[in-house]
Amino acid sequence: MCRNIRPLFNYVPPSTQADAQAAALQFVRKVSGSRTPSRANQAAFDHAVEAISHEVWTLLNTLTTAAPPRDREAELKRARLKRQHANPVGP
């Protein structure tokens, strides 16, 4: 999975449509192998981002869980600590 795509389901505060759009953009960039499409491919690229964003948003609004929502800030702190421990800066 693309490193820049983050889980969006079951968080406090809840994910937004902008979060779904950003994830869709990262996905399309990864799949297409292009950060910025050529003019000839711009319409197809934009269409794919919009379609995937819509489906992600639909998915997020249809999923259910009995698990308590995760705290987004706590998850980010835990991920930062994990990265620091994986890549310690030595003398």
Protein backbone atom coordinates (compact mmCIF):
# COMPACT_ATOMS: atom_id res chain seq x y z
CA MET A 1 0.00 0.00 0.00
CA CYS A 2 1.17 3.52 -0.65
CA ARG A 3 2.82 4.96 2.45
CA ASN A 4 0.95 8.25 2.13
CA ILE A 5 -2.48 6.64 2.26
CA ARG A 6 -3.67 6.48 5.85
CA PRO A 7 -6.54 4.48 7.33
CA LEU A 8 -9.65 6.65 7.40
CA PHE A 9 -12.28 4.52 9.13
CA ASN A 10 -13.33 4.75 12.79
CA TYR A 11 -11.39 7.81 13.95
CA VAL A 12 -12.16 10.75 16.19
CA PRO A 13 -12.46 13.28 14.70
CA PRO A 14 -14.08 11.47 11.76
CA SER A 15 -12.45 11.53 8.34
CA THR A 16 -13.69 14.13 5.89
CA GLN A 17 -14.37 14.12 2.18
CA ALA A 18 -11.07 15.99 1.81
CA ASP A 19 -9.32 13.03 3.47
CA ALA A 20 -10.99 10.65 1.01
CA GLN A 21 -9.97 12.93 -1.89
CA ALA A 22 -6.35 13.00 -0.70
CA ALA A 23 -6.26 9.21 -0.38
CA ALA A 24 -7.76 8.83 -3.85
CA LEU A 25 -5.18 11.21 -5.32
CA GLN A 26 -2.32 9.26 -3.72
CA PHE A 27 -3.78 5.99 -4.99
CA VAL A 28 -4.13 7.26 -8.56
CA ARG A 29 -0.60 8.67 -8.46
CA LYS A 30 0.74 5.33 -7.28
CA VAL A 31 -1.20 3.23 -9.80
CA SER A 32 -0.48 5.54 -12.73
CA GLY A 33 3.17 5.96 -11.79
CA SER A 34 2.85 9.68 -12.30
CA ARG A 35 2.66 12.50 -9.78
CA THR A 36 1.47 14.93 -12.42
CA PRO A 37 -0.20 13.60 -15.57
CA SER A 38 0.47 14.95 -19.04
CA ARG A 39 -2.12 17.24 -20.57
CA ALA A 40 -3.31 14.32 -22.70
CA ASN A 41 -3.97 12.25 -19.57
CA GLN A 42 -5.22 14.99 -17.22
CA ALA A 43 -8.94 14.31 -17.81
CA ALA A 44 -8.55 10.57 -17.22
CA PHE A 45 -6.45 11.22 -14.11
CA ASP A 46 -8.98 13.69 -12.68
CA HIS A 47 -11.88 11.36 -13.47
CA ALA A 48 -10.16 8.48 -11.69
CA VAL A 49 -9.46 10.60 -8.60
CA GLU A 50 -13.08 11.76 -8.47
CA ALA A 51 -14.54 8.28 -8.97
CA ILE A 52 -12.26 6.68 -6.38
CA SER A 53 -12.86 9.51 -3.91
CA HIS A 54 -16.62 9.00 -4.27
CA GLU A 55 -16.33 5.26 -3.69
CA VAL A 56 -14.03 5.72 -0.68
CA TRP A 57 -16.49 8.19 0.85
CA THR A 58 -19.37 5.77 0.20
CA LEU A 59 -17.39 2.95 1.78
CA LEU A 60 -16.52 4.99 4.87
CA ASN A 61 -20.17 5.91 5.37
CA THR A 62 -21.36 2.30 5.02
CA LEU A 63 -18.83 0.48 7.19
CA THR A 64 -19.84 -0.43 10.73
CA THR A 65 -17.87 -1.56 13.74
CA ALA A 66 -18.40 -2.31 17.40
CA ALA A 67 -14.86 -1.13 18.19
CA PRO A 68 -14.46 2.22 19.90
CA PRO A 69 -13.18 5.02 17.65
CA ARG A 70 -9.43 5.49 17.56
CA ASP A 71 -7.89 8.82 18.50
CA ARG A 72 -6.16 10.23 15.43
CA GLU A 73 -3.61 12.24 17.43
CA ALA A 74 -2.68 9.26 19.60
CA GLU A 75 -2.22 7.10 16.49
CA LEU A 76 0.04 9.74 14.90
CA LYS A 77 2.16 9.99 18.06
CA ARG A 78 2.49 6.20 18.23
CA ALA A 79 3.55 6.07 14.56
CA ARG A 80 6.16 8.80 15.12
CA LEU A 81 7.58 6.93 18.11
CA LYS A 82 7.69 3.71 16.11
CA ARG A 83 9.61 5.45 13.30
CA GLN A 84 12.06 6.97 15.79
CA HIS A 85 12.75 3.58 17.35
CA ALA A 86 13.14 1.96 13.94
CA ASN A 87 15.59 4.64 12.78
CA PRO A 88 17.48 5.86 15.85
CA VAL A 89 19.87 8.71 15.33
CA GLY A 90 23.20 7.65 16.73
CA PRO A 91 26.41 9.53 17.62
